[in-house]
Amino acid sequence: MNRARKVILTRSTIAAHFAAGLAASAAHAEIVYTLPPQPITAAIQLPDTHASAPIDINNDGVPEFTIHAHHQHSPPFSMMGTYIQAERPGAGIRILPDEGFAPLPEGTLISNADSFLTDGLEFWWEVGLGGWAPWQTDAPSFLGFVIDIDGQSHYGWARAQLLFNDPPSPTAFGVSVLDYAYQTEPGVPILAGQVPAPGAAALLGLGAIALRRKRS
């Protein structure tokens, strides 16, 4: 009985010290979450059209990314697609090893351990009767990104949704960014879908995730 109580107390002490250390290291970190009044959308009517919409992540008046929807009819083929383009140095979209640019599950860690691509990245495209790129869902899904603020990297996520069905609409399609968030502290990781949360509960939640990963 006493031995069991001693083990429990020891684990509680370890958890408390871990949470305290995590709180100290994240004392100046803050997540800025943005829910636009309307989704940021690039949508077009076919054929031979193009639309774009800028995304200013840190609200400094200069967009970090632009989303695009395009269609080009060149008989016998018709090419359509949606993509996101990095517009500023240091801005990039997270790519997955061996999968390219694909949706991220909610809770995916986004950090300096990831690879980021600064070129245009397709959400979805189609040429003729085939050729599908990796973003093969019309459900809201997460992507990870990095942006540069004052010469330092800040990590974030955005939630996007394709505006078509499978097969795509013959008259219109596009892509919307529904919401997004980023870390104000340079180099601090963020989880896909993570939003600001007050107090120690959020820190303890992150500590539990870190402990589980360390044990696995």
Protein backbone atom coordinates (compact mmCIF):
# COMPACT_ATOMS: atom_id res chain seq x y z
CA MET A 1 0.00 0.00 0.00
CA ASN A 2 2.74 2.45 1.00
CA ARG A 3 4.88 1.40 -1.96
CA ALA A 4 2.02 2.03 -4.41
CA ARG A 5 1.39 5.46 -2.90
CA LYS A 6 5.07 6.30 -3.19
CA VAL A 7 5.08 5.43 -6.94
CA ILE A 8 2.02 7.58 -7.55
CA LEU A 9 3.55 10.53 -5.73
CA THR A 10 6.78 10.12 -7.65
CA ARG A 11 4.97 10.17 -10.99
CA SER A 12 2.94 13.19 -9.92
CA THR A 13 6.13 15.01 -8.99
CA ILE A 14 7.70 14.21 -12.36
CA ALA A 15 4.59 15.41 -14.19
CA ALA A 16 4.51 18.61 -12.14
CA HIS A 17 8.18 19.36 -12.87
CA PHE A 18 7.65 18.61 -16.57
CA ALA A 19 4.62 20.92 -16.74
CA ALA A 20 6.51 23.66 -14.92
CA GLY A 21 9.41 23.40 -17.33
CA LEU A 22 7.06 23.43 -20.30
CA ALA A 23 5.27 26.48 -18.92
CA ALA A 24 8.57 28.31 -18.47
CA SER A 25 9.77 27.52 -22.00
CA ALA A 26 6.43 28.58 -23.51
CA ALA A 27 5.89 31.61 -21.31
CA HIS A 28 6.30 34.02 -24.22
CA ALA A 29 4.73 31.79 -26.90
CA GLU A 30 1.29 32.69 -28.14
CA ILE A 31 -0.95 31.31 -30.85
CA VAL A 32 -2.70 33.87 -33.04
CA TYR A 33 -5.88 32.37 -34.49
CA THR A 34 -7.81 33.99 -37.35
CA LEU A 35 -11.36 33.14 -38.41
CA PRO A 36 -12.15 35.40 -41.39
CA PRO A 37 -15.70 36.83 -41.59
CA GLN A 38 -15.98 34.93 -44.88
CA PRO A 39 -13.78 32.08 -46.16
CA ILE A 40 -10.88 33.28 -48.30
CA THR A 41 -11.92 31.83 -51.64
CA ALA A 42 -10.61 31.52 -55.19
CA ALA A 43 -13.39 30.09 -57.37
CA ILE A 44 -14.00 30.19 -61.12
CA GLN A 45 -16.56 29.52 -63.78
CA LEU A 46 -15.39 27.40 -66.71
CA PRO A 47 -13.87 27.62 -69.26
CA ASP A 48 -10.50 29.37 -69.57
CA THR A 49 -10.60 31.39 -66.39
CA HIS A 50 -8.41 32.11 -63.38
CA ALA A 51 -9.07 33.47 -59.89
CA SER A 52 -6.82 34.20 -56.92
CA ALA A 53 -7.13 35.36 -53.30
CA PRO A 54 -4.31 36.55 -50.99
CA ILE A 55 -3.78 35.36 -47.41
CA ASP A 56 -2.08 37.76 -44.98
CA ILE A 57 -1.26 35.44 -42.07
CA ASN A 58 0.20 37.99 -39.62
CA ASN A 59 -1.98 40.92 -40.78
CA ASP A 60 0.91 43.20 -41.73
CA GLY A 61 -0.58 44.24 -45.06
CA VAL A 62 1.58 41.92 -47.20
CA PRO A 63 0.24 38.44 -48.06
CA GLU A 64 2.40 35.40 -47.34
CA PHE A 65 0.42 33.14 -49.67
CA THR A 66 -2.05 33.32 -52.56
CA ILE A 67 -4.57 30.61 -53.41
CA HIS A 68 -5.48 30.06 -57.06
CA ALA A 69 -8.10 28.29 -59.15
CA HIS A 70 -7.53 27.92 -62.89
CA HIS A 71 -8.88 26.29 -66.02
CA GLN A 72 -7.38 26.05 -69.47
CA HIS A 73 -9.09 24.42 -72.43
CA SER A 74 -6.67 23.17 -75.07
CA PRO A 75 -8.44 20.59 -77.26
CA PRO A 76 -8.43 17.66 -76.95
CA PHE A 77 -7.52 18.30 -73.27
CA SER A 78 -8.99 20.46 -70.57
CA MET A 79 -6.77 21.25 -67.56
CA MET A 80 -8.09 22.56 -64.26
CA GLY A 81 -6.62 22.88 -60.81
CA THR A 82 -6.26 24.71 -57.52
CA TYR A 83 -2.97 25.61 -55.86
CA ILE A 84 -1.34 27.75 -53.19
CA GLN A 85 1.68 29.95 -53.91
CA ALA A 86 4.20 31.32 -51.39
CA GLU A 87 4.61 35.06 -51.99
CA ARG A 88 7.33 36.12 -49.52
CA PRO A 89 10.85 34.87 -48.73
CA GLY A 90 10.80 32.34 -45.92
CA ALA A 91 7.19 31.30 -46.52
CA GLY A 92 6.49 27.68 -47.43
CA ILE A 93 3.97 24.85 -47.24
CA ARG A 94 4.71 21.63 -45.36
CA ILE A 95 5.24 18.57 -47.53
CA LEU A 96 5.13 14.96 -46.42
CA PRO A 97 7.93 12.49 -47.28
CA ASP A 98 6.93 10.30 -50.24
CA GLU A 99 3.47 11.90 -50.36
CA GLY A 100 4.14 15.45 -51.52
CA PHE A 101 1.55 18.02 -50.56
CA ALA A 102 -1.28 16.17 -48.83
CA PRO A 103 -3.86 16.99 -46.13
CA LEU A 104 -2.65 16.68 -42.53
CA PRO A 105 -4.61 14.87 -39.81
CA GLU A 106 -5.74 17.14 -36.99
CA GLY A 107 -3.11 17.21 -34.23
CA THR A 108 -0.13 16.73 -36.58
CA LEU A 109 2.99 18.45 -35.21
CA ILE A 110 4.35 21.23 -37.46
CA SER A 111 7.93 22.21 -36.63
CA ASN A 112 11.45 22.83 -37.89
CA ALA A 113 11.83 19.08 -38.37
CA ASP A 114 9.51 19.28 -41.40
CA SER A 115 10.24 20.08 -45.03
CA PHE A 116 8.59 23.13 -46.58
CA LEU A 117 8.19 23.96 -50.27
CA THR A 118 8.15 27.55 -51.47
CA ASP A 119 6.98 26.88 -55.03
CA GLY A 120 3.36 26.67 -56.13
CA LEU A 121 1.65 23.60 -54.70
CA GLU A 122 -1.39 21.93 -56.18
CA PHE A 123 -4.37 21.06 -54.00
CA TRP A 124 -6.00 19.26 -56.91
CA TRP A 125 -5.63 19.04 -60.66
CA GLU A 126 -7.01 17.09 -63.59
CA VAL A 127 -5.90 16.77 -67.20
CA GLY A 128 -8.23 15.19 -69.72
CA LEU A 129 -9.70 12.07 -68.10
CA GLY A 130 -7.15 11.56 -65.32
CA GLY A 131 -4.17 12.84 -63.35
CA TRP A 132 -5.29 13.53 -59.79
CA ALA A 133 -2.95 15.31 -57.38
CA PRO A 134 -2.77 14.32 -53.69
CA TRP A 135 -5.47 16.57 -52.15
CA GLN A 136 -8.22 14.11 -53.01
CA THR A 137 -10.96 15.22 -50.64
CA ASP A 138 -13.61 17.90 -50.58
CA ALA A 139 -13.82 17.81 -46.75
CA PRO A 140 -12.18 20.61 -44.71
CA SER A 141 -8.57 19.53 -44.14
CA PHE A 142 -5.38 20.95 -42.61
CA LEU A 143 -2.13 22.07 -44.17
CA GLY A 144 1.02 23.23 -42.37
CA PHE A 145 3.10 26.27 -43.20
CA VAL A 146 6.08 28.36 -42.16
CA ILE A 147 6.33 32.14 -42.47
CA ASP A 148 9.19 34.56 -41.89
CA ILE A 149 8.77 37.40 -39.38
CA ASP A 150 11.78 39.64 -38.84
CA GLY A 151 14.11 37.00 -40.24
CA GLN A 152 12.85 34.13 -38.06
CA SER A 153 10.63 31.14 -38.81
CA HIS A 154 7.14 30.86 -37.34
CA TYR A 155 5.01 27.74 -37.76
CA GLY A 156 1.29 27.53 -38.37
CA TRP A 157 -1.64 25.71 -39.92
CA ALA A 158 -4.54 26.55 -42.23
CA ARG A 159 -7.81 24.69 -42.84
CA ALA A 160 -8.82 24.52 -46.48
CA GLN A 161 -11.68 23.04 -48.46
CA LEU A 162 -11.98 22.23 -52.14
CA LEU A 163 -15.16 23.44 -53.79
CA PHE A 164 -16.08 20.55 -56.03
CA ASN A 165 -17.46 17.05 -55.97
CA ASP A 166 -15.94 13.92 -57.47
CA PRO A 167 -16.29 14.17 -60.45
CA PRO A 168 -15.90 17.95 -60.43
CA SER A 169 -18.69 20.30 -61.37
CA PRO A 170 -18.76 21.12 -65.09
CA THR A 171 -19.45 24.80 -64.35
CA ALA A 172 -17.51 25.92 -61.27
CA PHE A 173 -14.85 24.87 -58.77
CA GLY A 174 -12.27 26.42 -56.47
CA VAL A 175 -10.74 26.34 -53.00
CA SER A 176 -11.41 28.16 -49.70
CA VAL A 177 -9.21 28.77 -46.68
CA LEU A 178 -11.56 28.65 -43.69
CA ASP A 179 -9.27 29.63 -40.81
CA TYR A 180 -5.62 29.59 -39.76
CA ALA A 181 -3.24 30.09 -36.83
CA TYR A 182 0.47 30.59 -36.18
CA GLN A 183 2.94 30.76 -33.28
CA THR A 184 4.22 34.24 -32.39
CA GLU A 185 7.37 32.79 -30.80
CA PRO A 186 9.92 31.85 -33.51
CA GLY A 187 10.81 28.17 -33.75
CA VAL A 188 7.97 26.99 -31.46
CA PRO A 189 6.01 24.04 -32.97
CA ILE A 190 2.24 24.03 -33.39
CA LEU A 191 -0.31 21.25 -33.81
CA ALA A 192 -2.66 21.27 -36.80
CA GLY A 193 -5.91 22.71 -35.51
CA GLN A 194 -4.38 24.08 -32.28
CA VAL A 195 -5.98 27.33 -31.08
CA PRO A 196 -5.22 29.62 -28.13
CA ALA A 197 -6.17 28.08 -24.79
CA PRO A 198 -5.79 29.70 -21.37
CA GLY A 199 -3.92 28.45 -18.31
CA ALA A 200 -2.04 25.32 -17.40
CA ALA A 201 -4.58 22.90 -18.88
CA ALA A 202 -3.33 23.56 -22.40
CA LEU A 203 0.29 23.20 -21.28
CA LEU A 204 -0.45 19.95 -19.51
CA GLY A 205 -2.19 18.66 -22.61
CA LEU A 206 0.90 19.37 -24.71
CA GLY A 207 3.05 17.79 -21.99
CA ALA A 208 1.00 14.61 -22.15
CA ILE A 209 1.48 14.47 -25.92
CA ALA A 210 5.23 14.94 -25.54
CA LEU A 211 5.43 12.24 -22.87
CA ARG A 212 3.46 9.75 -24.98
CA ARG A 213 5.76 10.38 -27.97
CA LYS A 214 8.86 9.97 -25.79
CA ARG A 215 7.62 6.64 -24.43
CA SER A 216 6.66 5.24 -27.87
